[in-house]
Amino acid sequence: MNTTVPATTAHHSDGMSATDGEILTVMDVARFLRVPKSTVYKLARLGELPASKIGKHWRFLRRDIHEWMRHRSHAA
């Protein structure tokens, strides 16, 4: 099985990359933000981090996390 990640990212006509709609888990977001999972849970629960709760699981859209980071970096 090939688990290699492509080096290039496809772009849609609207300028978004194909991975923008990717759904991330708490662990994915924690790795990306380099914070503990507990921080991701807390921010999601408080509504500070854009997330959706599906049953007992939190899910995040990659583009929302990137946008959240951009807004935070401009606000600081």
Protein backbone atom coordinates (compact mmCIF):
# COMPACT_ATOMS: atom_id res chain seq x y z
CA MET A 1 0.00 0.00 0.00
CA ASN A 2 1.34 3.40 -0.96
CA THR A 3 1.03 5.96 1.84
CA THR A 4 3.13 8.65 0.18
CA VAL A 5 1.67 12.14 0.36
CA PRO A 6 1.80 14.02 -2.94
CA ALA A 7 4.30 16.87 -3.04
CA THR A 8 1.91 19.18 -4.87
CA THR A 9 -1.62 20.19 -4.00
CA ALA A 10 -4.38 20.53 -6.58
CA HIS A 11 -6.24 23.83 -6.67
CA HIS A 12 -9.88 24.39 -7.53
CA SER A 13 -11.05 27.21 -9.79
CA ASP A 14 -12.01 29.22 -6.67
CA GLY A 15 -8.37 29.29 -5.54
CA MET A 16 -8.83 26.84 -2.67
CA SER A 17 -6.61 23.79 -2.42
CA ALA A 18 -8.07 20.30 -2.49
CA THR A 19 -7.11 19.80 1.17
CA ASP A 20 -8.99 22.88 2.44
CA GLY A 21 -12.15 20.81 2.91
CA GLU A 22 -10.24 18.04 4.70
CA ILE A 23 -11.79 16.97 7.99
CA LEU A 24 -9.37 16.85 10.92
CA THR A 25 -9.56 15.09 14.27
CA VAL A 26 -8.60 16.50 17.66
CA MET A 27 -5.22 14.78 17.35
CA ASP A 28 -4.66 16.28 13.87
CA VAL A 29 -5.42 19.79 15.15
CA ALA A 30 -3.29 19.31 18.27
CA ARG A 31 -0.33 18.26 16.12
CA PHE A 32 -0.87 21.16 13.71
CA LEU A 33 -1.13 23.75 16.50
CA ARG A 34 1.53 21.98 18.60
CA VAL A 35 -0.63 22.01 21.71
CA PRO A 36 -1.99 19.25 23.96
CA LYS A 37 -5.25 17.56 22.94
CA SER A 38 -6.82 18.94 26.12
CA THR A 39 -6.28 22.49 24.79
CA VAL A 40 -8.04 21.63 21.53
CA TYR A 41 -10.98 20.10 23.44
CA LYS A 42 -11.21 23.16 25.67
CA LEU A 43 -11.10 25.68 22.80
CA ALA A 44 -13.69 23.68 20.83
CA ARG A 45 -15.98 23.35 23.85
CA LEU A 46 -15.77 27.10 24.55
CA GLY A 47 -16.53 27.89 20.91
CA GLU A 48 -13.19 29.63 20.41
CA LEU A 49 -11.97 27.12 17.84
CA PRO A 50 -14.22 26.44 14.82
CA ALA A 51 -15.46 22.88 15.25
CA SER A 52 -18.42 20.56 14.88
CA LYS A 53 -19.36 17.90 17.35
CA ILE A 54 -20.61 14.71 15.75
CA GLY A 55 -21.90 12.44 18.47
CA LYS A 56 -19.12 12.53 21.03
CA HIS A 57 -16.40 13.35 18.50
CA TRP A 58 -15.10 16.79 17.55
CA ARG A 59 -14.24 17.43 13.91
CA PHE A 60 -12.56 20.42 12.28
CA LEU A 61 -12.23 21.68 8.70
CA ARG A 62 -8.64 22.39 7.71
CA ARG A 63 -9.57 25.70 6.04
CA ASP A 64 -11.38 26.85 9.21
CA ILE A 65 -8.32 26.13 11.36
CA HIS A 66 -6.05 27.99 8.91
CA GLU A 67 -8.45 30.96 8.83
CA TRP A 68 -8.70 30.95 12.65
CA MET A 69 -4.90 31.08 12.86
CA ARG A 70 -4.73 33.97 10.35
CA HIS A 71 -7.27 35.99 12.33
CA ARG A 72 -5.43 35.35 15.59
CA SER A 73 -2.08 36.39 14.12
CA HIS A 74 -3.59 39.65 12.78
CA ALA A 75 -5.35 40.40 16.10
CA ALA A 76 -2.17 40.03 18.18
